[in-house]
C-alpha atoms as a PDB file:
ATOM      1  CA  ILE A   1       0.146  -0.139   0.232  1.00  0.00           C
ATOM      2  CA  GLY A   2       1.737   3.294  -1.021  1.00  0.00           C
ATOM      3  CA  PRO A   3       0.813   7.005  -0.203  1.00  0.00           C
ATOM      4  CA  ASP A   4      -1.719   7.082  -3.213  1.00  0.00           C
ATOM      5  CA  GLN A   5      -3.853   4.377  -1.929  1.00  0.00           C
ATOM      6  CA  ILE A   6      -3.718   5.885   1.577  1.00  0.00           C
ATOM      7  CA  GLU A   7      -4.912   9.203   0.171  1.00  0.00           C
ATOM      8  CA  ALA A   8      -7.659   7.444  -1.803  1.00  0.00           C
ATOM      9  CA  LEU A   9      -8.793   5.487   1.783  1.00  0.00           C
ATOM     10  CA  TYR A  10      -9.120   9.164   3.018  1.00  0.00           C
ATOM     11  CA  GLN A  11     -11.254  10.700   0.092  1.00  0.00           C
ATOM     12  CA  TYR A  12     -13.279   7.580   0.118  1.00  0.00           C
ATOM     13  CA  ALA A  13     -14.147   8.002   3.902  1.00  0.00           C
ATOM     14  CA  LYS A  14     -14.711  11.763   3.426  1.00  0.00           C
ATOM     15  CA  PHE A  15     -17.254  10.547   0.473  1.00  0.00           C
ATOM     16  CA  GLN A  16     -19.145   7.991   2.754  1.00  0.00           C
ATOM     17  CA  PHE A  17     -19.282  10.923   5.521  1.00  0.00           C
ATOM     18  CA  GLU A  18     -20.924  13.357   2.910  1.00  0.00           C
ATOM     19  CA  CYS A  19     -23.452  10.515   1.628  1.00  0.00           C
ATOM     20  CA  GLY A  20     -24.342  10.042   5.553  1.00  0.00           C
ATOM     21  CA  ASN A  21     -22.750   6.800   5.828  1.00  0.00           C
ATOM     22  CA  TYR A  22     -21.312   7.763   9.021  1.00  0.00           C
ATOM     23  CA  SER A  23     -20.823   4.237  10.197  1.00  0.00           C
ATOM     24  CA  GLY A  24     -18.603   3.522   7.123  1.00  0.00           C
ATOM     25  CA  ALA A  25     -16.891   6.645   7.165  1.00  0.00           C
ATOM     26  CA  ALA A  26     -15.912   6.141  10.909  1.00  0.00           C
ATOM     27  CA  ASP A  27     -14.525   2.640  10.009  1.00  0.00           C
ATOM     28  CA  TYR A  28     -12.523   3.804   6.952  1.00  0.00           C
ATOM     29  CA  LEU A  29     -10.986   7.015   8.993  1.00  0.00           C
ATOM     30  CA  HIS A  30     -10.088   4.665  11.747  1.00  0.00           C
ATOM     31  CA  GLN A  31      -8.195   2.269   9.373  1.00  0.00           C
ATOM     32  CA  TYR A  32      -6.857   5.549   7.646  1.00  0.00           C
ATOM     33  CA  ARG A  33      -5.511   6.961  10.891  1.00  0.00           C
ATOM     34  CA  ALA A  34      -3.528   3.233  11.418  1.00  0.00           C
ATOM     35  CA  LEU A  35      -1.761   4.039   8.033  1.00  0.00           C
ATOM     36  CA  CYS A  36      -1.232   7.571   7.718  1.00  0.00           C
ATOM     37  CA  THR A  37       2.050   9.248   8.839  1.00  0.00           C
ATOM     38  CA  ASN A  38       1.265  12.716   8.169  1.00  0.00           C
ATOM     39  CA  SER A  39       0.269  14.038  11.444  1.00  0.00           C
ATOM     40  CA  GLU A  40      -1.992  16.870  10.050  1.00  0.00           C
ATOM     41  CA  ARG A  41      -4.157  14.629   8.042  1.00  0.00           C
ATOM     42  CA  SER A  42      -4.065  12.224  10.817  1.00  0.00           C
ATOM     43  CA  LEU A  43      -5.533  14.874  13.179  1.00  0.00           C
ATOM     44  CA  SER A  44      -7.904  15.789  10.356  1.00  0.00           C
ATOM     45  CA  ALA A  45      -9.275  12.173  10.295  1.00  0.00           C
ATOM     46  CA  LEU A  46      -9.626  12.319  14.027  1.00  0.00           C
ATOM     47  CA  TRP A  47     -11.894  15.151  13.841  1.00  0.00           C
ATOM     48  CA  GLY A  48     -13.968  13.354  11.050  1.00  0.00           C
ATOM     49  CA  LYS A  49     -14.445  10.260  13.276  1.00  0.00           C
ATOM     50  CA  LEU A  50     -15.562  12.560  16.073  1.00  0.00           C
ATOM     51  CA  ALA A  51     -18.184  14.200  13.874  1.00  0.00           C
ATOM     52  CA  ALA A  52     -19.293  10.916  12.794  1.00  0.00           C
ATOM     53  CA  GLU A  53     -19.637   9.353  16.121  1.00  0.00           C
ATOM     54  CA  ILE A  54     -21.412  12.263  17.355  1.00  0.00           C
ATOM     55  CA  LEU A  55     -23.869  12.270  14.547  1.00  0.00           C
ATOM     56  CA  MET A  56     -24.621   8.535  15.149  1.00  0.00           C
ATOM     57  CA  GLN A  57     -25.139   9.243  19.019  1.00  0.00           C
ATOM     58  CA  ASN A  58     -22.254   6.843  20.056  1.00  0.00           C
ATOM     59  CA  TRP A  59     -21.514   8.918  23.119  1.00  0.00           C
ATOM     60  CA  ASP A  60     -19.246   6.588  24.923  1.00  0.00           C
ATOM     61  CA  ILE A  61     -17.136   6.249  21.457  1.00  0.00           C
ATOM     62  CA  ALA A  62     -17.089  10.022  21.035  1.00  0.00           C
ATOM     63  CA  LEU A  63     -15.946  10.827  24.536  1.00  0.00           C
ATOM     64  CA  GLU A  64     -12.926   8.641  23.917  1.00  0.00           C
ATOM     65  CA  GLU A  65     -12.397  10.457  20.617  1.00  0.00           C
ATOM     66  CA  LEU A  66     -12.726  13.570  22.304  1.00  0.00           C
ATOM     67  CA  ASN A  67     -10.019  12.779  24.798  1.00  0.00           C
ATOM     68  CA  ARG A  68      -7.698  11.717  22.197  1.00  0.00           C
ATOM     69  CA  LEU A  69      -8.185  14.930  20.307  1.00  0.00           C
ATOM     70  CA  LYS A  70      -7.395  16.927  23.626  1.00  0.00           C
ATOM     71  CA  GLU A  71      -4.335  14.878  24.150  1.00  0.00           C
ATOM     72  CA  ILE A  72      -3.019  16.000  20.670  1.00  0.00           C
ATOM     73  CA  ILE A  73      -3.943  19.535  20.947  1.00  0.00           C
ATOM     74  CA  ASP A  74      -2.395  19.979  24.249  1.00  0.00           C
ATOM     75  CA  SER A  75       0.865  18.129  23.395  1.00  0.00           C
ATOM     76  CA  LYS A  76       1.277  19.205  19.476  1.00  0.00           C
ATOM     77  CA  SER A  77       3.538  22.052  18.518  1.00  0.00           C
ATOM     78  CA  PHE A  78       1.459  24.563  16.520  1.00  0.00           C
ATOM     79  CA  SER A  79       2.528  27.215  14.333  1.00  0.00           C
ATOM     80  CA  SER A  80       1.132  29.819  16.506  1.00  0.00           C
ATOM     81  CA  PRO A  81      -0.325  29.838  20.024  1.00  0.00           C
ATOM     82  CA  LEU A  82      -3.408  31.433  18.290  1.00  0.00           C
ATOM     83  CA  ASN A  83      -4.206  28.203  16.387  1.00  0.00           C
ATOM     84  CA  GLN A  84      -3.686  26.072  19.605  1.00  0.00           C
ATOM     85  CA  VAL A  85      -6.274  28.493  21.190  1.00  0.00           C
ATOM     86  CA  GLN A  86      -8.606  28.141  18.374  1.00  0.00           C
ATOM     87  CA  SER A  87      -8.142  24.311  18.548  1.00  0.00           C
ATOM     88  CA  ARG A  88      -9.309  24.273  21.860  1.00  0.00           C
ATOM     89  CA  ILE A  89     -12.253  26.460  21.347  1.00  0.00           C
ATOM     90  CA  TRP A  90     -13.320  23.918  18.526  1.00  0.00           C
ATOM     91  CA  LEU A  91     -12.881  21.301  20.823  1.00  0.00           C
ATOM     92  CA  MET A  92     -15.222  22.595  23.512  1.00  0.00           C
ATOM     93  CA  HIS A  93     -17.769  23.469  21.026  1.00  0.00           C
ATOM     94  CA  TRP A  94     -17.935  20.061  19.915  1.00  0.00           C
ATOM     95  CA  SER A  95     -18.011  18.548  23.311  1.00  0.00           C
ATOM     96  CA  LEU A  96     -21.299  20.255  23.924  1.00  0.00           C
ATOM     97  CA  PHE A  97     -23.135  17.411  21.978  1.00  0.00           C
ATOM     98  CA  ILE A  98     -21.540  14.788  24.064  1.00  0.00           C
ATOM     99  CA  PHE A  99     -21.505  16.344  27.571  1.00  0.00           C
ATOM    100  CA  PHE A 100     -25.283  17.193  27.456  1.00  0.00           C
ATOM    101  CA  ASN A 101     -26.209  13.697  26.149  1.00  0.00           C
ATOM    102  CA  HIS A 102     -23.497  11.424  27.825  1.00  0.00           C
ATOM    103  CA  ASP A 103     -24.569   9.961  31.529  1.00  0.00           C
ATOM    104  CA  ASN A 104     -21.511  11.603  33.105  1.00  0.00           C
ATOM    105  CA  GLY A 105     -21.266  14.492  30.836  1.00  0.00           C
ATOM    106  CA  ARG A 106     -22.106  17.098  33.426  1.00  0.00           C
ATOM    107  CA  THR A 107     -19.148  15.926  35.464  1.00  0.00           C
ATOM    108  CA  GLN A 108     -16.829  15.726  32.327  1.00  0.00           C
ATOM    109  CA  ILE A 109     -17.454  19.484  31.144  1.00  0.00           C
ATOM    110  CA  ILE A 110     -16.489  21.023  34.233  1.00  0.00           C
ATOM    111  CA  ASP A 111     -13.053  18.819  34.201  1.00  0.00           C
ATOM    112  CA  LEU A 112     -12.412  19.914  30.653  1.00  0.00           C
ATOM    113  CA  PHE A 113     -13.884  23.685  30.430  1.00  0.00           C
ATOM    114  CA  ASN A 114     -12.398  24.656  34.032  1.00  0.00           C
ATOM    115  CA  GLN A 115      -8.881  23.659  33.105  1.00  0.00           C
ATOM    116  CA  ASP A 116      -6.641  26.856  33.241  1.00  0.00           C
ATOM    117  CA  LYS A 117      -6.020  26.781  29.714  1.00  0.00           C
ATOM    118  CA  TYR A 118      -9.551  25.855  28.262  1.00  0.00           C
ATOM    119  CA  LEU A 119     -11.103  28.592  30.665  1.00  0.00           C
ATOM    120  CA  ASN A 120      -8.397  31.280  29.569  1.00  0.00           C
ATOM    121  CA  ALA A 121      -9.617  30.433  25.750  1.00  0.00           C
ATOM    122  CA  ILE A 122     -13.310  30.825  26.935  1.00  0.00           C
ATOM    123  CA  GLN A 123     -12.612  34.184  28.667  1.00  0.00           C
ATOM    124  CA  THR A 124     -10.739  35.371  25.812  1.00  0.00           C
ATOM    125  CA  SER A 125     -12.473  34.034  22.929  1.00  0.00           C
ATOM    126  CA  ALA A 126     -15.662  32.330  23.738  1.00  0.00           C
ATOM    127  CA  PRO A 127     -17.324  33.783  26.555  1.00  0.00           C
ATOM    128  CA  HIS A 128     -20.884  32.425  25.712  1.00  0.00           C
ATOM    129  CA  LEU A 129     -19.212  29.106  26.423  1.00  0.00           C
ATOM    130  CA  LEU A 130     -19.446  30.278  30.367  1.00  0.00           C
ATOM    131  CA  ARG A 131     -23.136  29.637  30.102  1.00  0.00           C
ATOM    132  CA  TYR A 132     -22.844  25.629  29.746  1.00  0.00           C
ATOM    133  CA  LEU A 133     -19.786  25.671  32.444  1.00  0.00           C
ATOM    134  CA  ALA A 134     -22.071  27.697  34.768  1.00  0.00           C
ATOM    135  CA  THR A 135     -25.418  25.356  34.058  1.00  0.00           C
ATOM    136  CA  ALA A 136     -23.033  22.358  34.969  1.00  0.00           C
ATOM    137  CA  PHE A 137     -22.190  23.732  38.213  1.00  0.00           C
ATOM    138  CA  ILE A 138     -25.625  24.452  39.153  1.00  0.00           C
ATOM    139  CA  VAL A 139     -27.233  21.239  38.447  1.00  0.00           C
ATOM    140  CA  ASN A 140     -24.283  19.041  39.667  1.00  0.00           C
ATOM    141  CA  LYS A 141     -25.298  17.335  42.734  1.00  0.00           C
ATOM    142  CA  ARG A 142     -21.699  17.348  44.467  1.00  0.00           C
ATOM    143  CA  ARG A 143     -20.541  20.907  45.000  1.00  0.00           C
ATOM    144  CA  ARG A 144     -16.991  21.107  43.993  1.00  0.00           C
ATOM    145  CA  PRO A 145     -14.181  23.136  45.239  1.00  0.00           C
ATOM    146  CA  GLN A 146     -13.533  24.832  41.929  1.00  0.00           C
ATOM    147  CA  PHE A 147     -16.999  26.437  42.246  1.00  0.00           C
ATOM    148  CA  LYS A 148     -15.649  29.049  44.362  1.00  0.00           C
ATOM    149  CA  GLU A 149     -12.810  29.761  41.770  1.00  0.00           C
ATOM    150  CA  PHE A 150     -15.455  29.979  38.890  1.00  0.00           C
ATOM    151  CA  ILE A 151     -17.538  32.398  40.730  1.00  0.00           C
ATOM    152  CA  LYS A 152     -14.377  34.601  40.780  1.00  0.00           C
ATOM    153  CA  VAL A 153     -14.393  34.314  37.155  1.00  0.00           C
ATOM    154  CA  ILE A 154     -18.056  35.245  36.803  1.00  0.00           C
ATOM    155  CA  GLN A 155     -17.138  38.298  39.185  1.00  0.00           C
ATOM    156  CA  GLN A 156     -14.398  39.202  36.626  1.00  0.00           C
ATOM    157  CA  ASP A 157     -16.325  38.795  33.512  1.00  0.00           C
ATOM    158  CA  GLN A 158     -19.852  40.170  34.546  1.00  0.00           C
ATOM    159  CA  CYS A 159     -18.928  43.653  32.876  1.00  0.00           C
ATOM    160  CA  SER A 160     -17.891  42.131  29.580  1.00  0.00           C
ATOM    161  CA  TYR A 161     -20.095  39.204  29.065  1.00  0.00           C
ATOM    162  CA  LYS A 162     -23.988  39.120  29.735  1.00  0.00           C
ATOM    163  CA  ASP A 163     -26.241  35.915  29.950  1.00  0.00           C
ATOM    164  CA  PRO A 164     -29.005  35.180  32.320  1.00  0.00           C
ATOM    165  CA  ILE A 165     -27.257  32.092  33.753  1.00  0.00           C
ATOM    166  CA  THR A 166     -23.913  33.624  34.753  1.00  0.00           C
ATOM    167  CA  GLU A 167     -25.842  36.699  35.939  1.00  0.00           C
ATOM    168  CA  PHE A 168     -28.026  34.504  38.354  1.00  0.00           C
ATOM    169  CA  LEU A 169     -24.797  33.100  40.038  1.00  0.00           C
ATOM    170  CA  ALA A 170     -23.306  36.814  40.199  1.00  0.00           C
ATOM    171  CA  CYS A 171     -26.722  38.037  41.680  1.00  0.00           C
ATOM    172  CA  VAL A 172     -26.611  35.190  44.400  1.00  0.00           C
ATOM    173  CA  TYR A 173     -22.676  34.807  45.105  1.00  0.00           C
ATOM    174  CA  VAL A 174     -21.368  38.144  44.232  1.00  0.00           C
ATOM    175  CA  ASN A 175     -23.853  40.996  44.596  1.00  0.00           C
ATOM    176  CA  TYR A 176     -26.136  39.166  47.097  1.00  0.00           C
ATOM    177  CA  GLU A 177     -29.219  40.805  44.907  1.00  0.00           C
ATOM    178  CA  PHE A 178     -31.922  38.172  45.720  1.00  0.00           C
ATOM    179  CA  ASP A 179     -34.739  40.037  44.128  1.00  0.00           C
ATOM    180  CA  GLY A 180     -32.364  40.342  40.788  1.00  0.00           C
ATOM    181  CA  ALA A 181     -31.840  36.514  41.355  1.00  0.00           C
ATOM    182  CA  GLN A 182     -35.603  35.904  41.326  1.00  0.00           C
ATOM    183  CA  LYS A 183     -36.155  37.649  37.934  1.00  0.00           C
ATOM    184  CA  LYS A 184     -32.935  35.944  36.521  1.00  0.00           C
ATOM    185  CA  MET A 185     -34.420  32.730  37.377  1.00  0.00           C
ATOM    186  CA  LYS A 186     -37.285  33.330  35.191  1.00  0.00           C
ATOM    187  CA  GLU A 187     -34.804  34.337  32.313  1.00  0.00           C
ATOM    188  CA  CYS A 188     -32.891  31.260  32.817  1.00  0.00           C
ATOM    189  CA  GLU A 189     -35.812  29.129  32.407  1.00  0.00           C
ATOM    190  CA  GLU A 190     -36.456  30.613  28.719  1.00  0.00           C
ATOM    191  CA  VAL A 191     -32.527  30.629  27.950  1.00  0.00           C
ATOM    192  CA  ILE A 192     -32.592  26.850  28.612  1.00  0.00           C
ATOM    193  CA  LEU A 193     -36.166  26.167  26.882  1.00  0.00           C
ATOM    194  CA  ASN A 194     -34.502  27.656  23.539  1.00  0.00           C
ATOM    195  CA  ASP A 195     -30.989  26.511  24.099  1.00  0.00           C
ATOM    196  CA  PRO A 196     -30.233  23.540  21.416  1.00  0.00           C
ATOM    197  CA  PHE A 197     -28.190  21.961  24.144  1.00  0.00           C
ATOM    198  CA  LEU A 198     -29.840  22.741  27.574  1.00  0.00           C
ATOM    199  CA  GLY A 199     -33.203  22.326  26.324  1.00  0.00           C
ATOM    200  CA  LYS A 200     -33.176  18.552  25.243  1.00  0.00           C
ATOM    201  CA  ARG A 201     -36.675  17.299  25.505  1.00  0.00           C
ATOM    202  CA  VAL A 202     -37.757  13.770  26.606  1.00  0.00           C
ATOM    203  CA  GLU A 203     -41.022  12.243  25.536  1.00  0.00           C
ATOM    204  CA  GLU A 204     -42.876  10.462  28.107  1.00  0.00           C
ATOM    205  CA  GLY A 205     -46.384   9.268  26.832  1.00  0.00           C
ATOM    206  CA  ASN A 206     -48.166  12.294  25.751  1.00  0.00           C
ATOM    207  CA  PHE A 207     -46.177  14.692  27.329  1.00  0.00           C
ATOM    208  CA  SER A 208     -42.813  16.283  26.611  1.00  0.00           C
ATOM    209  CA  THR A 209     -40.636  17.492  29.387  1.00  0.00           C
ATOM    210  CA  VAL A 210     -36.957  19.299  29.629  1.00  0.00           C
ATOM    211  CA  PRO A 211     -35.539  17.479  32.497  1.00  0.00           C
ATOM    212  CA  LEU A 212     -32.597  19.915  32.622  1.00  0.00           C
ATOM    213  CA  LYS A 213     -34.982  22.767  33.471  1.00  0.00           C
ATOM    214  CA  ASP A 214     -36.515  21.243  36.427  1.00  0.00           C
ATOM    215  CA  GLU A 215     -33.233  20.170  38.000  1.00  0.00           C
ATOM    216  CA  PHE A 216     -31.749  23.613  37.268  1.00  0.00           C
ATOM    217  CA  LEU A 217     -34.540  25.607  38.855  1.00  0.00           C
ATOM    218  CA  GLU A 218     -34.760  23.093  41.908  1.00  0.00           C
ATOM    219  CA  ASN A 219     -30.737  23.745  42.440  1.00  0.00           C
ATOM    220  CA  ALA A 220     -30.905  27.564  41.728  1.00  0.00           C
ATOM    221  CA  ARG A 221     -33.934  27.763  44.475  1.00  0.00           C
ATOM    222  CA  LEU A 222     -31.295  25.623  46.763  1.00  0.00           C
ATOM    223  CA  PHE A 223     -28.552  28.200  45.707  1.00  0.00           C
ATOM    224  CA  ILE A 224     -30.637  31.164  46.746  1.00  0.00           C
ATOM    225  CA  PHE A 225     -32.043  29.650  50.179  1.00  0.00           C
ATOM    226  CA  GLU A 226     -28.502  28.646  51.033  1.00  0.00           C
ATOM    227  CA  THR A 227     -26.955  32.180  50.503  1.00  0.00           C
ATOM    228  CA  TYR A 228     -30.050  33.958  52.070  1.00  0.00           C
ATOM    229  CA  CYS A 229     -29.612  31.563  55.298  1.00  0.00           C
ATOM    230  CA  ARG A 230     -26.023  32.285  55.659  1.00  0.00           C
ATOM    231  CA  ILE A 231     -26.963  36.042  56.163  1.00  0.00           C
ATOM    232  CA  HIS A 232     -30.295  35.650  58.097  1.00  0.00           C
ATOM    233  CA  GLN A 233     -30.830  33.932  60.993  1.00  0.00           C
ATOM    234  CA  ARG A 234     -34.531  34.280  61.185  1.00  0.00           C
ATOM    235  CA  ILE A 235     -36.294  34.382  57.836  1.00  0.00           C
ATOM    236  CA  ASP A 236     -39.732  35.452  56.911  1.00  0.00           C
ATOM    237  CA  MET A 237     -41.032  32.296  54.851  1.00  0.00           C
ATOM    238  CA  GLY A 238     -43.520  34.702  52.631  1.00  0.00           C
ATOM    239  CA  VAL A 239     -40.649  37.092  51.783  1.00  0.00           C
ATOM    240  CA  LEU A 240     -38.244  33.741  51.028  1.00  0.00           C
ATOM    241  CA  PHE A 241     -40.813  32.061  48.872  1.00  0.00           C
ATOM    242  CA  GLU A 242     -41.184  35.056  46.931  1.00  0.00           C
ATOM    243  CA  LYS A 243     -37.623  35.174  46.181  1.00  0.00           C
ATOM    244  CA  LEU A 244     -37.735  31.636  45.176  1.00  0.00           C
ATOM    245  CA  ASN A 245     -40.770  32.109  42.736  1.00  0.00           C
ATOM    246  CA  LEU A 246     -43.059  29.947  44.893  1.00  0.00           C
ATOM    247  CA  ASN A 247     -46.545  30.134  45.994  1.00  0.00           C
ATOM    248  CA  TYR A 248     -47.023  29.804  50.166  1.00  0.00           C
ATOM    249  CA  GLU A 249     -47.920  26.043  49.743  1.00  0.00           C
ATOM    250  CA  GLU A 250     -45.585  25.347  47.291  1.00  0.00           C
ATOM    251  CA  GLY A 251     -42.700  26.861  49.502  1.00  0.00           C
ATOM    252  CA  GLU A 252     -43.778  25.373  52.696  1.00  0.00           C
ATOM    253  CA  ARG A 253     -43.785  21.900  51.501  1.00  0.00           C
ATOM    254  CA  TRP A 254     -40.477  22.554  49.526  1.00  0.00           C
ATOM    255  CA  ILE A 255     -38.745  23.993  52.698  1.00  0.00           C
ATOM    256  CA  VAL A 256     -40.171  20.982  54.889  1.00  0.00           C
ATOM    257  CA  ASN A 257     -38.602  18.465  52.204  1.00  0.00           C
ATOM    258  CA  LEU A 258     -35.435  20.392  52.117  1.00  0.00           C
ATOM    259  CA  ILE A 259     -34.844  20.327  55.910  1.00  0.00           C
ATOM    260  CA  ARG A 260     -35.771  16.876  56.205  1.00  0.00           C
ATOM    261  CA  ASN A 261     -33.658  15.193  53.324  1.00  0.00           C
ATOM    262  CA  SER A 262     -30.679  17.582  53.748  1.00  0.00           C
ATOM    263  CA  LYS A 263     -30.571  17.671  57.536  1.00  0.00           C
ATOM    264  CA  LEU A 264     -30.543  21.369  57.266  1.00  0.00           C
ATOM    265  CA  ASP A 265     -30.052  22.576  60.950  1.00  0.00           C
ATOM    266  CA  ALA A 266     -33.223  24.886  60.793  1.00  0.00           C
ATOM    267  CA  LYS A 267     -36.932  24.775  62.305  1.00  0.00           C
ATOM    268  CA  ILE A 268     -39.971  26.281  61.133  1.00  0.00           C
ATOM    269  CA  ASP A 269     -42.115  28.292  63.459  1.00  0.00           C
ATOM    270  CA  SER A 270     -45.743  27.856  62.099  1.00  0.00           C
ATOM    271  CA  LYS A 271     -46.955  30.457  64.542  1.00  0.00           C
ATOM    272  CA  THR A 272     -44.892  33.486  63.275  1.00  0.00           C
ATOM    273  CA  GLY A 273     -44.346  32.044  59.788  1.00  0.00           C
ATOM    274  CA  THR A 274     -40.605  31.913  59.975  1.00  0.00           C
ATOM    275  CA  VAL A 275     -37.537  29.664  59.440  1.00  0.00           C
ATOM    276  CA  ILE A 276     -34.950  29.660  62.491  1.00  0.00           C
ATOM    277  CA  MET A 277     -31.541  28.941  61.257  1.00  0.00           C
ATOM    278  CA  GLU A 278     -29.274  27.493  63.938  1.00  0.00           C
ATOM    279  CA  PRO A 279     -25.709  28.912  64.152  1.00  0.00           C
ATOM    280  CA  ASN A 280     -23.581  27.272  61.459  1.00  0.00           C
ATOM    281  CA  ARG A 281     -20.769  25.575  62.888  1.00  0.00           C
ATOM    282  CA  PRO A 282     -18.204  24.689  60.420  1.00  0.00           C
ATOM    283  CA  ASN A 283     -17.117  20.896  59.928  1.00  0.00           C
ATOM    284  CA  VAL A 284     -13.582  20.871  60.308  1.00  0.00           C
ATOM    285  CA  TYR A 285     -13.329  17.520  58.466  1.00  0.00           C
ATOM    286  CA  GLU A 286     -15.191  18.810  55.335  1.00  0.00           C
ATOM    287  CA  GLN A 287     -13.156  21.894  55.565  1.00  0.00           C
ATOM    288  CA  LEU A 288      -9.942  19.595  55.483  1.00  0.00           C
ATOM    289  CA  ILE A 289     -11.156  17.438  52.591  1.00  0.00           C
ATOM    290  CA  ASP A 290     -12.270  20.776  50.616  1.00  0.00           C
ATOM    291  CA  HIS A 291      -8.547  22.277  51.170  1.00  0.00           C
ATOM    292  CA  THR A 292      -7.007  18.866  50.371  1.00  0.00           C
ATOM    293  CA  LYS A 293      -8.861  18.662  47.132  1.00  0.00           C
ATOM    294  CA  ALA A 294      -7.987  22.270  46.252  1.00  0.00           C
ATOM    295  CA  LEU A 295      -4.314  21.795  47.132  1.00  0.00           C
ATOM    296  CA  GLN A 296      -4.466  18.401  44.769  1.00  0.00           C
ATOM    297  CA  GLY A 297      -5.604  20.387  42.136  1.00  0.00           C
ATOM    298  CA  ARG A 298      -2.912  22.894  42.483  1.00  0.00           C
ATOM    299  CA  THR A 299      -0.140  20.498  42.656  1.00  0.00           C
ATOM    300  CA  TYR A 300      -1.544  18.942  39.336  1.00  0.00           C
ATOM    301  CA  LYS A 301      -1.343  22.092  37.668  1.00  0.00           C
ATOM    302  CA  LEU A 302       2.095  22.888  38.710  1.00  0.00           C
ATOM    303  CA  VAL A 303       3.366  19.453  37.827  1.00  0.00           C
ATOM    304  CA  GLY A 304       1.911  20.014  34.264  1.00  0.00           C
ATOM    305  CA  GLN A 305       3.312  23.168  33.820  1.00  0.00           C
ATOM    306  CA  LEU A 306       6.929  22.038  34.959  1.00  0.00           C
ATOM    307  CA  LEU A 307       6.474  18.976  32.425  1.00  0.00           C
ATOM    308  CA  GLU A 308       5.583  21.290  29.746  1.00  0.00           C
ATOM    309  CA  HIS A 309       8.716  23.349  30.613  1.00  0.00           C
ATOM    310  CA  ALA A 310      10.989  20.618  30.498  1.00  0.00           C
ATOM    311  CA  GLN A 311       9.480  19.270  27.188  1.00  0.00           C
ATOM    312  CA  ALA A 312      10.101  22.621  25.568  1.00  0.00           C
ATOM    313  CA  GLN A 313      13.652  23.040  26.790  1.00  0.00           C
ATOM    314  CA  PRO A 314      15.142  20.354  24.361  1.00  0.00           C
ATOM    315  CA  ALA A 315      13.273  22.104  21.214  1.00  0.00           C
ATOM    316  CA  ARG A 316      15.260  25.463  22.204  1.00  0.00           C
END
């Protein structure tokens, strides 16, 4: 097999892709990459295979190809740093198809988008991607140590980029504007319903639902409640429910379930219609775990930078 035959295989795979035979295209591109010695063409074939797997909705395989692409983009020598940044931006855009369909996607998007190099690329060239990272943080059940750092990013960029979802976080965690957060919640609902990735619909019998919207609103209310409770020890339930966009009956049921399920250190005074918060004593064990995780992340970044520097030195 010579170079002409290998090139013909690439062109045939491209032809199959354009004809809509994505399964065939993916197979031929895989074979092409095994034979190809040209790194640029091999990279192009990998992009094509990723596209084919996405179009076939093979999310597990697509995630594997995405990780392969990331490895190459992060280690490859580009003609200019701008080209590398552009490749990272394209990778993040394509990843949205995977992350909002893959079972573990909401965790994976934080792992990718929140890395320094990728977050810097978002801030400088694609701030609209902050919407998806913010959403992932909001709907993730496990609050991560990176969330506090992400709020700092929101604070830095709140003047240069406007989006209801990022503005909601700014209202709750930066400006403590709970009335503003309430308004932003309504805007966020519209954004989610009209967003091609966030507004994915699920058919249940004769009904169509948007699961992410319900999760988002539930967690958004929890964010408001937790922050509001840190500021006030005795909370008027009527005022609180208004800020959570709930009527009194819905709000009372919501807060009872929250106290019961989350073991929140609070009690309801039905006579005065208030929630009384017990003094919040920090859990030393949890603080230690959080600090250890943050330290581990910083150590990993430092080691990565040292390795990059060491790899770059022989090339000089």
